[in-house]
Amino acid sequence: MYMKLADIQEIQLDHTSRCQLKCSQCARTFGGWSEYPENQNLDLTLEDYKVLLEPFPQGQLRLFHCGNYGDALASRTFDNTFDYSLSRDPKSIMIITNGSLRSSKWWSELAQRGGKKLKVAFSIDGLEDTNHIYREGAIFRKIIENAKAFISEGGRARWDFIEFKHNYHQIELAEEIAHEIGFEEFNVKYTARFASEGNKAVTNNKKQKVEDTDTNKNQSDRVDIIKSYGSFDEYVNKTEISCKTQKRNSVFVDMHMRLWPCCWLGAPLYLKKKSAQTESFKHFLDLYGHDFNSLRVHGWKVLEHEFFNSYLESSWKSPDERFKRIYTCGRTCGEKFEFSSGYGQNRNVKVLRGAEV
């Protein structure tokens, strides 16, 4: 069995489908996600949060707004669900955001409401002249204004910086600015998306080039994998899998209130662009239908479904005609390629002041 209800210690959330940015490697932009009408303007509700949280003892859970497709702060229901989450006494609440939304007054009040249980990661990939190249639509000055308002009221904040060729030269200066403002941590990370897609550059909506850095270990790992396996796809089909989120007793809930083991596995269902990931999804969706993991339909009994009870672990260890390997699992949690900056080698967190890491 993948996980029992009593074992869950963290719920990752894609609270909304809304986001005002058009980041060039986001699935909203390159995957055709926005072409599906049913994905527009979705928000988890207070009733959803009651279904999510009431079965758990107070003080058991970490809540993590990871922003798979949307930015939680773009949601019309964020405030009342955030207050309800606090009333359930979570161990912690983490929010990842582009930081451009809401007023500085709202950010000051958020720090007061969340206290030490709340931590916000501001995704800022460069300075005023570069951040918008990848974070298309982000307003750097507004982000810094909001971060200052949050931190000035005791808010705990981390600066997440994805390195590209166009911003690599700014990392040291950005770290200095982060320290001056009062961020607890400065997190430099590189993305595996270039290497996993087999390229080193993309263009944004304004035809500006977004390039990978020469220091990205994922690129050399991909070369080694192809030498050993013949192709990246063959590696995905044969590699040993060690599930990252299972180790953390973590699950993911998307903006449709569907339960997944992780945010990576929760993504391909909503991609219109055909890929190895979307193709591997077809098999178990044909077996089970689109609502097999709906918490709105089944509640937490979804964990008793064959998908969680048998399919996942069988597909990793002994795949067959029924329990076929899921491409996303091999790509993300295989032994020779580190896809995630949240769990693996492709991040470098520097503690700037008294952070609880």
Protein backbone atom coordinates (compact mmCIF):
# COMPACT_ATOMS: atom_id res chain seq x y z
CA MET A 1 0.00 0.00 0.00
CA TYR A 2 1.39 3.42 -0.96
CA MET A 3 0.35 5.19 2.24
CA LYS A 4 -2.21 5.01 5.04
CA LEU A 5 -4.15 8.03 6.21
CA ALA A 6 -2.47 7.91 9.63
CA ASP A 7 0.96 8.04 7.97
CA ILE A 8 0.38 11.32 6.10
CA GLN A 9 2.45 14.18 7.51
CA GLU A 10 2.34 16.64 4.62
CA ILE A 11 -0.27 17.75 2.09
CA GLN A 12 0.98 19.61 -0.95
CA LEU A 13 -1.67 21.79 -2.55
CA ASP A 14 -2.31 23.35 -5.92
CA HIS A 15 -4.97 25.59 -4.43
CA THR A 16 -5.94 27.33 -7.67
CA SER A 17 -5.59 27.22 -11.43
CA ARG A 18 -5.09 30.98 -11.56
CA CYS A 19 -1.77 32.71 -12.26
CA GLN A 20 -0.98 36.02 -13.93
CA LEU A 21 2.44 34.99 -15.26
CA LYS A 22 3.50 33.16 -18.43
CA CYS A 23 6.77 31.50 -17.45
CA SER A 24 8.32 29.89 -20.51
CA GLN A 25 8.89 26.43 -18.98
CA CYS A 26 5.65 26.28 -17.00
CA ALA A 27 3.16 23.69 -18.17
CA ARG A 28 0.59 26.48 -18.41
CA THR A 29 2.69 27.93 -21.23
CA PHE A 30 4.33 25.07 -23.12
CA GLY A 31 1.98 22.17 -22.37
CA GLY A 32 -1.25 23.53 -23.81
CA TRP A 33 -2.81 23.44 -20.34
CA SER A 34 -4.76 26.67 -20.84
CA GLU A 35 -6.51 25.25 -23.90
CA TYR A 36 -8.73 23.13 -21.64
CA PRO A 37 -11.75 25.25 -20.57
CA GLU A 38 -12.29 23.08 -17.48
CA ASN A 39 -8.94 24.23 -16.08
CA GLN A 40 -9.84 27.91 -15.95
CA ASN A 41 -10.52 29.86 -12.75
CA LEU A 42 -10.61 26.94 -10.35
CA ASP A 43 -10.16 27.34 -6.60
CA LEU A 44 -10.30 24.92 -3.70
CA THR A 45 -13.05 25.94 -1.30
CA LEU A 46 -13.53 26.06 2.44
CA GLU A 47 -15.63 22.89 2.18
CA ASP A 48 -12.76 21.21 0.34
CA TYR A 49 -10.39 22.13 3.17
CA LYS A 50 -12.76 20.64 5.72
CA VAL A 51 -12.70 17.36 3.77
CA LEU A 52 -8.92 17.57 3.60
CA LEU A 53 -8.08 18.47 7.17
CA GLU A 54 -10.81 17.30 9.55
CA PRO A 55 -9.77 13.61 9.51
CA PHE A 56 -6.34 14.54 10.90
CA PRO A 57 -5.46 15.33 14.50
CA GLN A 58 -4.51 18.95 15.05
CA GLY A 59 -0.79 19.51 14.93
CA GLN A 60 -0.03 16.55 12.63
CA LEU A 61 0.26 18.13 9.19
CA ARG A 62 2.60 20.30 7.20
CA LEU A 63 0.74 22.23 4.47
CA PHE A 64 2.62 23.22 1.35
CA HIS A 65 1.18 25.48 -1.37
CA CYS A 66 3.56 24.34 -4.10
CA GLY A 67 1.91 26.05 -7.08
CA ASN A 68 1.99 23.27 -9.66
CA TYR A 69 -0.15 25.23 -12.13
CA GLY A 70 -1.43 28.20 -10.17
CA ASP A 71 -0.22 30.74 -7.63
CA ALA A 72 -2.24 30.34 -4.43
CA LEU A 73 -2.30 34.10 -3.86
CA ALA A 74 -4.20 34.59 -7.12
CA SER A 75 -7.12 32.69 -5.62
CA ARG A 76 -10.34 34.32 -4.46
CA THR A 77 -10.70 31.71 -1.72
CA PHE A 78 -7.17 31.79 -0.33
CA ASP A 79 -7.83 34.04 2.67
CA ASN A 80 -10.66 32.12 4.28
CA THR A 81 -9.05 28.73 3.60
CA PHE A 82 -5.74 30.00 5.02
CA ASP A 83 -7.46 31.10 8.22
CA TYR A 84 -9.24 27.76 8.46
CA SER A 85 -5.93 25.96 7.97
CA LEU A 86 -4.45 27.92 10.86
CA SER A 87 -7.42 26.96 13.03
CA ARG A 88 -6.44 23.29 12.53
CA ASP A 89 -3.05 24.01 14.15
CA PRO A 90 -0.77 22.69 11.40
CA LYS A 91 2.91 22.08 12.11
CA SER A 92 3.74 24.56 9.36
CA ILE A 93 2.41 26.25 6.24
CA MET A 94 4.68 26.89 3.26
CA ILE A 95 3.67 29.06 0.30
CA ILE A 96 5.62 29.31 -2.94
CA THR A 97 4.64 32.41 -4.92
CA ASN A 98 5.90 34.75 -7.61
CA GLY A 99 5.31 37.54 -5.08
CA SER A 100 3.74 40.07 -7.48
CA LEU A 101 0.20 39.81 -6.17
CA ARG A 102 -1.64 41.56 -3.31
CA SER A 103 -0.89 44.84 -1.56
CA SER A 104 1.96 45.51 0.86
CA LYS A 105 -0.69 46.00 3.58
CA TRP A 106 -2.05 42.53 2.87
CA TRP A 107 1.46 41.09 3.10
CA SER A 108 2.03 42.77 6.46
CA GLU A 109 -1.21 41.30 7.75
CA LEU A 110 -0.33 37.85 6.36
CA ALA A 111 2.86 37.84 8.45
CA GLN A 112 0.85 38.70 11.55
CA ARG A 113 -1.77 36.03 10.83
CA GLY A 114 0.69 33.26 10.03
CA GLY A 115 3.28 33.94 12.70
CA LYS A 116 6.20 31.54 12.94
CA LYS A 117 4.23 28.64 11.46
CA LEU A 118 4.15 30.36 8.08
CA LYS A 119 7.02 30.56 5.63
CA VAL A 120 6.91 32.08 2.15
CA ALA A 121 9.27 31.28 -0.71
CA PHE A 122 9.43 34.17 -3.18
CA SER A 123 10.36 32.90 -6.66
CA ILE A 124 12.59 35.70 -8.00
CA ASP A 125 14.82 34.61 -10.87
CA GLY A 126 17.05 37.64 -11.25
CA LEU A 127 16.93 41.37 -10.57
CA GLU A 128 14.88 44.20 -12.08
CA ASP A 129 16.42 43.86 -15.54
CA THR A 130 16.24 40.04 -15.74
CA ASN A 131 13.54 38.51 -13.50
CA HIS A 132 10.80 39.12 -16.07
CA ILE A 133 12.67 37.25 -18.84
CA TYR A 134 11.60 33.92 -17.34
CA ARG A 135 8.92 35.15 -14.91
CA GLU A 136 7.08 36.89 -17.72
CA GLY A 137 4.60 39.38 -16.30
CA ALA A 138 6.29 39.68 -12.89
CA ILE A 139 7.01 43.17 -11.55
CA PHE A 140 10.30 43.14 -9.64
CA ARG A 141 9.75 46.34 -7.66
CA LYS A 142 6.34 45.14 -6.53
CA ILE A 143 7.79 41.79 -5.42
CA ILE A 144 10.48 43.48 -3.34
CA GLU A 145 7.93 45.87 -1.83
CA ASN A 146 5.74 42.92 -0.82
CA ALA A 147 8.67 40.94 0.56
CA LYS A 148 9.81 43.89 2.66
CA ALA A 149 6.30 44.38 4.05
CA PHE A 150 6.06 40.70 4.96
CA ILE A 151 9.50 40.49 6.56
CA SER A 152 9.13 43.78 8.46
CA GLU A 153 6.23 42.24 10.41
CA GLY A 154 8.25 39.18 11.38
CA GLY A 155 7.41 37.09 8.31
CA ARG A 156 9.77 34.20 7.53
CA ALA A 157 10.88 34.30 3.90
CA ARG A 158 13.14 32.49 1.43
CA TRP A 159 14.35 33.81 -1.93
CA ASP A 160 14.28 31.08 -4.62
CA PHE A 161 16.50 31.87 -7.61
CA ILE A 162 16.52 29.62 -10.71
CA GLU A 163 19.80 30.18 -12.51
CA PHE A 164 19.82 30.79 -16.26
CA LYS A 165 22.50 32.23 -18.54
CA HIS A 166 20.79 35.62 -18.50
CA ASN A 167 20.81 35.96 -14.67
CA TYR A 168 23.78 33.83 -13.58
CA HIS A 169 26.02 36.88 -13.16
CA GLN A 170 23.54 38.38 -10.65
CA ILE A 171 23.49 35.59 -8.09
CA GLU A 172 25.96 37.16 -5.64
CA LEU A 173 24.29 40.58 -5.79
CA ALA A 174 20.85 39.02 -5.36
CA GLU A 175 22.10 37.19 -2.27
CA GLU A 176 23.38 40.47 -0.84
CA ILE A 177 20.00 42.13 -1.44
CA ALA A 178 18.21 39.17 0.13
CA HIS A 179 20.41 39.50 3.23
CA GLU A 180 19.79 43.26 3.46
CA ILE A 181 16.02 42.84 3.22
CA GLY A 182 15.97 40.11 5.87
CA PHE A 183 15.28 36.88 4.01
CA GLU A 184 16.09 33.83 6.13
CA GLU A 185 17.44 31.84 3.19
CA PHE A 186 18.71 32.32 -0.33
CA ASN A 187 18.14 29.25 -2.51
CA VAL A 188 19.93 28.99 -5.85
CA LYS A 189 18.74 26.10 -7.99
CA TYR A 190 18.96 24.89 -11.55
CA THR A 191 16.14 23.35 -13.50
CA ALA A 192 16.09 19.82 -14.90
CA ARG A 193 13.47 20.74 -17.48
CA PHE A 194 15.98 21.60 -20.19
CA ALA A 195 17.78 18.26 -19.92
CA SER A 196 14.65 16.13 -19.46
CA GLU A 197 13.22 17.68 -22.65
CA GLY A 198 16.51 17.25 -24.49
CA ASN A 199 17.28 20.92 -25.13
CA LYS A 200 19.35 23.79 -23.74
CA ALA A 201 17.18 26.79 -24.61
CA VAL A 202 13.59 27.93 -25.09
CA THR A 203 12.09 31.29 -26.04
CA ASN A 204 9.57 33.26 -24.02
CA ASN A 205 6.44 34.90 -25.42
CA LYS A 206 8.46 37.97 -26.37
CA LYS A 207 10.93 35.83 -28.36
CA GLN A 208 13.69 36.32 -25.81
CA LYS A 209 16.00 33.33 -25.34
CA VAL A 210 15.96 31.51 -22.01
CA GLU A 211 19.09 29.31 -21.85
CA ASP A 212 20.41 26.70 -19.48
CA THR A 213 23.71 27.34 -17.70
CA ASP A 214 26.86 25.42 -18.58
CA THR A 215 27.13 24.34 -14.94
CA ASN A 216 23.83 22.38 -14.91
CA LYS A 217 24.73 18.83 -13.89
CA ASN A 218 21.50 17.51 -15.37
CA GLN A 219 22.91 18.03 -18.86
CA SER A 220 25.99 15.87 -18.21
CA ASP A 221 23.82 13.30 -16.40
CA ARG A 222 21.62 13.06 -19.49
CA VAL A 223 24.66 12.43 -21.70
CA ASP A 224 25.84 9.65 -19.36
CA ILE A 225 22.35 8.13 -19.25
CA ILE A 226 22.07 7.98 -23.04
CA LYS A 227 25.51 6.36 -23.26
CA SER A 228 24.44 3.69 -20.76
CA TYR A 229 20.82 3.10 -21.82
CA GLY A 230 20.71 4.18 -25.44
CA SER A 231 18.02 6.81 -24.82
CA PHE A 232 16.51 8.80 -21.99
CA ASP A 233 13.17 7.03 -22.48
CA GLU A 234 14.84 3.64 -22.10
CA TYR A 235 16.40 4.84 -18.84
CA VAL A 236 12.99 5.94 -17.55
CA ASN A 237 11.56 2.49 -18.32
CA LYS A 238 14.39 0.57 -16.61
CA THR A 239 15.73 2.68 -13.75
CA GLU A 240 15.12 1.75 -10.14
CA ILE A 241 12.57 4.07 -8.56
CA SER A 242 12.67 5.44 -5.02
CA CYS A 243 9.62 7.64 -4.42
CA LYS A 244 10.63 10.96 -2.89
CA THR A 245 7.26 11.95 -1.47
CA GLN A 246 6.56 8.52 -0.01
CA LYS A 247 9.69 8.94 2.09
CA ARG A 248 8.34 12.26 3.37
CA ASN A 249 4.87 10.86 4.00
CA SER A 250 3.58 13.50 1.62
CA VAL A 251 0.66 13.57 -0.82
CA PHE A 252 -0.54 16.12 -3.37
CA VAL A 253 -4.02 17.55 -3.97
CA ASP A 254 -4.70 19.42 -7.21
CA MET A 255 -7.13 22.24 -8.02
CA HIS A 256 -9.80 19.67 -9.02
CA MET A 257 -9.48 18.09 -5.53
CA ARG A 258 -7.84 14.98 -6.95
CA LEU A 259 -5.33 13.12 -4.81
CA TRP A 260 -1.93 12.18 -6.26
CA PRO A 261 1.29 10.89 -4.73
CA CYS A 262 3.11 14.04 -5.81
CA CYS A 263 2.82 17.24 -7.84
CA TRP A 264 4.82 15.73 -10.73
CA LEU A 265 2.37 12.87 -11.18
CA GLY A 266 -0.51 15.32 -10.80
CA ALA A 267 0.63 17.38 -13.78
CA PRO A 268 0.38 15.33 -17.03
CA LEU A 269 -3.39 14.79 -16.82
CA TYR A 270 -3.89 18.46 -17.62
CA LEU A 271 -1.41 18.75 -20.49
CA LYS A 272 -2.84 18.99 -24.00
CA LYS A 273 0.53 18.69 -25.71
CA LYS A 274 1.25 15.02 -26.42
CA SER A 275 4.30 13.60 -24.65
CA ALA A 276 5.67 10.42 -23.11
CA GLN A 277 4.08 11.50 -19.83
CA THR A 278 0.59 12.01 -21.25
CA GLU A 279 0.78 8.76 -23.18
CA SER A 280 1.68 6.73 -20.10
CA PHE A 281 -1.28 8.28 -18.27
CA LYS A 282 -3.79 6.81 -20.71
CA HIS A 283 -3.40 3.27 -19.43
CA PHE A 284 -4.48 3.76 -15.82
CA LEU A 285 -7.09 6.37 -16.75
CA ASP A 286 -8.64 3.78 -19.08
CA LEU A 287 -8.59 1.33 -16.17
CA TYR A 288 -10.03 3.62 -13.53
CA GLY A 289 -11.63 6.71 -15.09
CA HIS A 290 -10.97 10.37 -14.31
CA ASP A 291 -12.63 10.48 -10.87
CA PHE A 292 -11.01 7.45 -9.25
CA ASN A 293 -8.91 9.73 -7.00
CA SER A 294 -11.42 12.54 -6.43
CA LEU A 295 -11.57 13.55 -2.78
CA ARG A 296 -14.85 15.33 -3.49
CA VAL A 297 -16.39 12.05 -4.63
CA HIS A 298 -14.69 9.50 -2.37
CA GLY A 299 -13.09 11.42 0.49
CA TRP A 300 -9.93 9.88 1.92
CA LYS A 301 -11.17 6.40 0.98
CA VAL A 302 -9.31 7.02 -2.28
CA LEU A 303 -6.22 5.67 -0.50
CA GLU A 304 -7.90 2.26 -0.54
CA HIS A 305 -8.23 2.33 -4.33
CA GLU A 306 -6.19 -0.19 -6.34
CA PHE A 307 -4.12 2.64 -7.80
CA PHE A 308 -2.71 3.52 -4.37
CA ASN A 309 -3.05 0.05 -2.89
CA SER A 310 -1.27 -1.90 -5.66
CA TYR A 311 -0.63 -0.08 -8.91
CA LEU A 312 2.01 2.44 -7.85
CA GLU A 313 4.50 0.20 -6.09
CA SER A 314 3.97 -2.66 -8.57
CA SER A 315 4.64 -0.30 -11.48
CA TRP A 316 7.97 0.71 -9.90
CA LYS A 317 9.20 -2.73 -8.89
CA SER A 318 7.55 -5.29 -11.19
CA PRO A 319 5.57 -3.61 -13.98
CA ASP A 320 3.32 -5.81 -16.11
CA GLU A 321 0.43 -5.42 -18.56
CA ARG A 322 -1.94 -4.19 -15.84
CA PHE A 323 0.44 -2.24 -13.66
CA LYS A 324 2.46 -0.51 -16.37
CA ARG A 325 5.30 1.83 -15.43
CA ILE A 326 4.34 5.50 -15.27
CA TYR A 327 6.80 7.65 -17.22
CA THR A 328 6.67 10.51 -14.69
CA CYS A 329 7.77 8.18 -11.87
CA GLY A 330 10.84 6.96 -13.73
CA ARG A 331 11.84 10.43 -14.87
CA THR A 332 11.41 12.11 -11.48
CA CYS A 333 12.45 9.45 -8.98
CA GLY A 334 14.88 7.34 -10.98
CA GLU A 335 18.35 6.69 -9.55
CA LYS A 336 20.55 8.57 -12.05
CA PHE A 337 18.68 11.79 -12.85
CA GLU A 338 17.69 14.38 -10.23
CA PHE A 339 14.63 16.14 -11.57
CA SER A 340 13.58 17.99 -8.43
CA SER A 341 15.16 21.07 -6.89
CA GLY A 342 13.09 20.45 -3.79
CA TYR A 343 14.56 17.09 -2.90
CA GLY A 344 17.93 16.67 -4.53
CA GLN A 345 21.30 17.92 -5.64
CA ASN A 346 20.22 20.80 -7.87
CA ARG A 347 19.81 23.38 -5.13
CA ASN A 348 22.11 25.36 -2.86
CA VAL A 349 20.36 26.88 0.14
CA LYS A 350 22.31 29.47 2.09
CA VAL A 351 21.09 30.40 5.55
CA LEU A 352 21.16 34.17 5.91
CA ARG A 353 19.70 34.52 9.39
CA GLY A 354 18.27 32.15 12.02
CA ALA A 355 16.31 29.96 9.64
CA GLU A 356 14.69 26.72 10.70
CA VAL A 357 15.60 24.60 7.69
